[in-house]
Structures are given as structure tokens and as C-alpha cells.
Protein backbone atom coordinates (compact mmCIF):
# COMPACT_ATOMS: atom_id res chain seq x y z
CA MET A 1 0.00 0.00 0.00
CA PRO A 2 1.60 3.34 -1.06
CA LEU A 3 2.46 5.91 1.57
CA THR A 4 0.50 9.15 1.50
CA ASP A 5 2.26 12.49 1.31
CA ALA A 6 1.00 13.37 4.80
CA PHE A 7 2.40 10.15 6.24
CA ARG A 8 5.75 10.74 4.56
CA ALA A 9 5.82 14.29 5.91
CA GLY A 10 5.07 12.96 9.39
CA ILE A 11 7.96 10.51 9.21
CA VAL A 12 10.35 13.25 8.06
CA ALA A 13 9.19 15.57 10.84
CA MET A 14 9.71 12.86 13.45
CA ALA A 15 13.21 12.15 12.11
CA ILE A 16 14.14 15.83 12.27
CA LEU A 17 12.79 16.12 15.82
CA PHE A 18 14.75 13.04 16.91
CA THR A 19 17.95 14.47 15.37
CA LEU A 20 17.47 17.82 17.09
CA CYS A 21 16.83 16.17 20.47
CA ALA A 22 19.91 13.98 20.09
CA ALA A 23 22.02 16.99 19.15
CA ALA A 24 20.72 18.95 22.14
CA LYS A 25 21.53 16.03 24.43
CA ASP A 26 25.04 15.75 23.00
CA GLU A 27 25.56 19.49 23.38
CA LYS A 28 24.97 19.22 27.12
CA THR A 29 27.64 16.56 27.55
CA PHE A 30 31.16 17.75 28.31
CA ALA A 31 33.86 15.85 26.45
CA MET A 32 37.33 15.95 27.98
CA PRO A 33 39.99 16.81 25.38
CA LYS A 34 42.15 13.80 24.64
CA ALA A 35 45.38 13.99 26.62
CA ALA A 36 48.75 13.03 25.19
CA ASN A 37 51.84 12.02 27.14
CA ALA A 38 52.68 14.83 29.55
CA LYS A 39 56.18 15.13 28.06
CA SER A 40 54.70 16.25 24.74
CA TYR A 41 53.34 19.51 26.20
CA PRO A 42 55.52 22.65 26.18
CA ALA A 43 55.05 23.30 29.91
CA HIS A 44 56.03 20.14 31.77
CA ASP A 45 58.39 18.73 34.34
CA ALA A 46 59.53 15.12 34.46
CA SER A 47 61.38 12.75 36.73
CA GLU A 48 63.34 10.24 34.68
CA LYS A 49 64.16 8.25 37.80
CA GLU A 50 60.53 7.87 38.83
CA LYS A 51 59.24 7.82 35.23
CA VAL A 52 56.50 10.36 35.98
CA ALA A 53 55.82 13.56 34.07
CA VAL A 54 53.39 16.38 34.87
CA ALA A 55 52.24 19.01 32.37
CA ALA A 56 50.09 22.13 32.46
CA ASP A 57 48.14 23.24 29.40
CA PRO A 58 46.34 26.57 30.01
CA TYR A 59 43.10 27.20 28.12
CA ASP A 60 43.60 30.95 28.15
CA VAL A 61 42.43 31.99 24.69
CA ALA A 62 39.12 31.68 22.86
CA GLY A 63 40.66 29.55 20.13
CA LYS A 64 41.32 26.77 22.66
CA THR A 65 38.19 27.03 24.77
CA GLN A 66 35.77 27.13 21.85
CA GLY A 67 34.28 23.73 21.27
CA VAL A 68 35.47 22.50 24.68
CA PHE A 69 33.58 24.63 27.20
CA ARG A 70 30.14 26.17 27.07
CA ILE A 71 30.95 28.42 30.04
CA LYS A 72 33.11 31.45 29.23
CA TYR A 73 35.41 31.06 32.21
CA ARG A 74 37.83 33.83 31.24
CA GLU A 75 34.96 36.32 31.25
CA GLU A 76 34.38 35.21 34.85
CA ASP A 77 38.07 35.74 35.73
CA LEU A 78 38.64 32.00 35.99
CA LEU A 79 41.66 30.46 34.26
CA PRO A 80 41.23 26.81 33.17
CA VAL A 81 44.46 24.84 33.23
CA MET A 82 44.50 21.25 32.03
CA LEU A 83 46.67 19.13 34.32
CA ILE A 84 48.18 16.05 32.68
CA ILE A 85 50.01 13.35 34.63
CA THR A 86 51.74 10.48 32.84
CA ASN A 87 53.10 7.44 34.62
CA ASP A 88 55.55 5.53 32.42
CA GLY A 89 56.58 3.30 35.33
CA GLY A 90 55.42 -0.18 36.18
CA GLN A 91 53.58 0.67 39.40
CA PRO A 92 50.59 2.96 40.06
CA VAL A 93 51.07 6.47 41.43
CA ALA A 94 48.64 7.71 44.10
CA LEU A 95 47.20 11.22 43.83
CA THR A 96 45.05 11.31 46.96
CA ALA A 97 47.48 13.64 48.74
CA MET A 98 48.31 15.74 45.70
CA GLN A 99 48.61 19.49 46.18
CA VAL A 100 48.70 22.05 43.40
CA GLU A 101 49.62 25.72 43.64
CA LEU A 102 49.91 28.39 40.98
CA VAL A 103 52.45 31.07 41.92
CA THR A 104 52.41 34.23 39.82
CA LYS A 105 55.37 36.41 38.87
CA LYS A 106 54.52 38.70 41.80
CA ARG A 107 54.49 35.70 44.17
CA VAL A 108 50.71 35.59 44.51
CA LYS A 109 49.85 32.02 45.53
CA LEU A 110 46.65 30.60 44.08
CA GLN A 111 44.91 27.35 44.99
CA PRO A 112 42.56 25.60 42.54
CA ALA A 113 38.98 26.80 42.96
CA THR A 114 36.56 24.31 44.44
CA GLU A 115 33.41 23.28 42.62
CA ASP A 116 31.35 25.51 44.91
CA ASP A 117 33.72 28.42 44.27
CA ILE A 118 33.24 28.04 40.53
CA LEU A 119 29.48 27.81 40.89
CA ARG A 120 29.42 30.98 43.00
CA ARG A 121 31.44 32.85 40.43
CA ILE A 122 29.27 31.68 37.54
CA ALA A 123 26.16 32.60 39.57
CA ARG A 124 27.73 36.02 40.27
CA GLN A 125 27.99 35.35 43.99
CA PRO A 126 31.11 36.22 46.04
CA MET A 127 33.64 33.42 46.03
CA LYS A 128 34.74 31.92 49.32
CA GLY A 129 36.78 34.44 51.27
CA ASP A 130 35.74 37.41 49.12
CA GLN A 131 33.59 38.87 51.89
CA PRO A 132 33.38 38.31 55.63
CA SER A 133 30.24 36.48 56.66
CA ALA A 134 27.69 38.37 58.74
CA ASN A 135 26.72 35.08 60.35
CA PRO A 136 29.03 34.14 63.24
CA LEU A 137 28.36 30.43 62.69
CA PRO A 138 30.27 28.70 59.87
CA PHE A 139 27.21 27.53 57.96
CA PRO A 140 27.99 26.80 54.31
CA ARG A 141 26.41 29.26 51.94
CA LYS A 142 23.92 27.87 49.46
CA VAL A 143 24.69 28.28 45.80
CA LYS A 144 22.05 30.03 43.74
CA THR A 145 20.14 27.82 41.34
CA SER A 146 20.67 30.26 38.45
CA VAL A 147 23.48 28.05 37.13
CA LYS A 148 22.10 25.86 34.36
CA PRO A 149 22.13 22.07 34.86
CA GLU A 150 24.40 21.58 31.84
CA GLU A 151 26.82 24.14 33.29
CA ARG A 152 26.90 22.29 36.60
CA GLU A 153 27.55 19.08 34.69
CA GLU A 154 30.42 20.68 32.78
CA ILE A 155 32.04 21.99 35.96
CA ARG A 156 31.74 18.61 37.66
CA ASP A 157 32.96 16.55 34.71
CA SER A 158 35.82 18.82 33.65
CA ARG A 159 37.62 19.13 37.00
CA PHE A 160 40.64 16.92 37.66
CA ALA A 161 39.32 14.07 39.79
CA ALA A 162 41.72 11.13 39.35
CA LYS A 163 42.89 9.44 42.54
CA ALA A 164 45.70 7.50 40.91
CA VAL A 165 47.58 7.04 37.66
CA GLU A 166 47.97 3.40 36.69
CA ALA A 167 51.19 2.04 35.23
CA HIS A 168 51.86 3.19 31.67
CA ALA A 169 48.83 5.48 31.71
CA THR A 170 47.88 9.15 31.65
CA GLN A 171 45.26 11.03 33.66
CA ALA A 172 44.04 14.54 32.90
CA GLY A 173 41.49 17.10 33.99
CA PHE A 174 41.04 20.81 34.52
CA LEU A 175 41.96 23.03 37.43
CA PHE A 176 40.38 26.47 37.63
CA PHE A 177 42.20 29.42 39.19
CA ASP A 178 40.62 32.69 40.29
CA VAL A 179 42.75 35.32 38.53
CA GLU A 180 40.56 38.32 39.20
CA ASP A 181 42.65 41.50 39.42
CA ILE A 182 45.77 39.62 38.25
CA ASP A 183 47.33 40.96 35.06
CA GLU A 184 48.99 38.38 32.81
CA PRO A 185 48.61 35.48 35.26
CA LEU A 186 50.75 33.14 33.16
CA THR A 187 53.77 35.35 32.52
CA GLY A 188 56.55 34.32 34.88
CA ALA A 189 54.21 31.96 36.74
CA HIS A 190 54.98 28.45 37.99
CA LEU A 191 52.66 25.57 38.74
CA TYR A 192 53.90 23.46 41.64
CA VAL A 193 52.59 19.90 42.04
CA SER A 194 53.48 17.82 45.10
CA GLY A 195 52.17 14.94 47.18
CA LEU A 196 52.31 12.22 44.52
CA ARG A 197 53.22 8.86 46.05
CA ASN A 198 54.45 5.58 44.67
CA SER A 199 53.00 2.16 45.47
CA GLN A 200 55.14 1.97 48.63
CA GLY A 201 53.66 5.22 49.93
CA GLN A 202 56.85 7.21 49.36
CA GLU A 203 56.41 10.77 48.15
CA LEU A 204 57.80 11.55 44.71
CA MET A 205 59.77 14.67 43.91
CA PHE A 206 57.73 17.84 43.57
CA PHE A 207 57.15 19.11 40.05
CA ASP A 208 57.92 22.69 39.05
CA ILE A 209 56.27 23.69 35.78
CA SER A 210 57.18 27.03 34.25
CA LEU A 211 54.24 28.52 32.37
CA ASP A 212 56.68 30.63 30.35
CA GLN A 213 57.46 27.39 28.51
CA TYR A 214 53.87 27.36 27.32
CA LEU A 215 53.90 31.04 26.35
CA GLU A 216 57.18 30.80 24.47
CA ARG A 217 56.03 27.81 22.42
CA THR A 218 52.50 28.99 21.66
CA ARG A 219 52.69 32.78 21.51
CA VAL A 220 56.10 33.55 19.99
CA LYS A 221 56.25 33.00 16.25
């Protein structure tokens, strides 16, 4: 029995609607950029003895953030830095005690923003420590619900969350630094990473990553 024009049109409309819904669903899902070996990045530090390398890849320009993030972090004075850790050794490396600090040229020490800190900034609320609390009790402040669900998902899924790096493997994720009122936060800055431990619980050397290495390789032509 031949299909009527109305039936054909209905099938086409349903197919278009399904495609649009699938695309909208995909758009809400954050996809972590594929990480290479940490040694392949301009800004990295490596221990040949321990066979571990750590790299920092700042997402400081629109050309890098476009297609990765939906949130315009730089407009919110947040600097995304992709942290990449490669373990070329034969035993896992624990990250549960890892500490990361970004030290600017003027010796301003910055800790990675927490998920709540990022949500407050995106929701245009003061970040933790920006203002003294009028409440004498240390109750946690609630985050406004003005942040979209897909933005919350992106913040949660993009942050570095690995607890270990298995043998011959690489782990990566983003750290976000509050660089409000800091001019040229990368110039002359260093990212210090410490607290990595081997399978015997011994702490590895600390890693000192010069961000000038990134700037020299990517900005100077």
C-alpha cells in the first residue's frame, strides 16, 4: 500500500525532531579533550628516575576554549588549566594527597577553585573568602540555582578528579584558578605539584612547571 504524502511528511518531521533532540543532548555533555603524554606539552616537568611527568596546558584563549567549554570562564576571571600526569613506570602512582599551587610572577599564591567556588562565580555570587560572613556560625552558603544544569555538569565533569595514575597510563582534567585583578597570570608563573606517592607510599619529587614554557612555544612566532 503506497504511503501518503501526509504520512511521509510525518515521518520526516519525526526524524528531524529526533535528530534535534539527540544533538541537544550531546551538546549538554562535556567531552574531555584527549590527553597526550605529559612530556609532549611545552610546559612540563619530568622525573626520569621515577618515570613520571606532569604538564600544564592553560586554556587561556578563545581559540582553545571554543568547542570544549560552554561556560566562558575567562569572562568570569577564571583560568582553566588542564593538568596532565603520565606514569611511564610499572607501578601505580597515588594522587590522593596531591597538592597544586599556581604562583604568579609577583608571588601571589593561588589554589585551585573548588566546585562551589566556581558555581558561585558563575552565579555572580562572592567566592569563598571574598567577603566576611555576617553570620558568626560557619554555615555553608547555598549556591544560587541560576546556574544551568548543563553548566553544573560541565564543571563537575571537567575538573581533575583522578585518585591514581595506573602504570603506563595518563590522567588529565582541569583546574580552575581565580585570577581576578591579576594581570597576565601566566607570565613568569609556575605551577607546583606535590604529594604524589608511589605504590610503597613514598612521596615523589615535587614538580615545578614554568608557564613561560607554554607562552614561548605557543605565543612567539
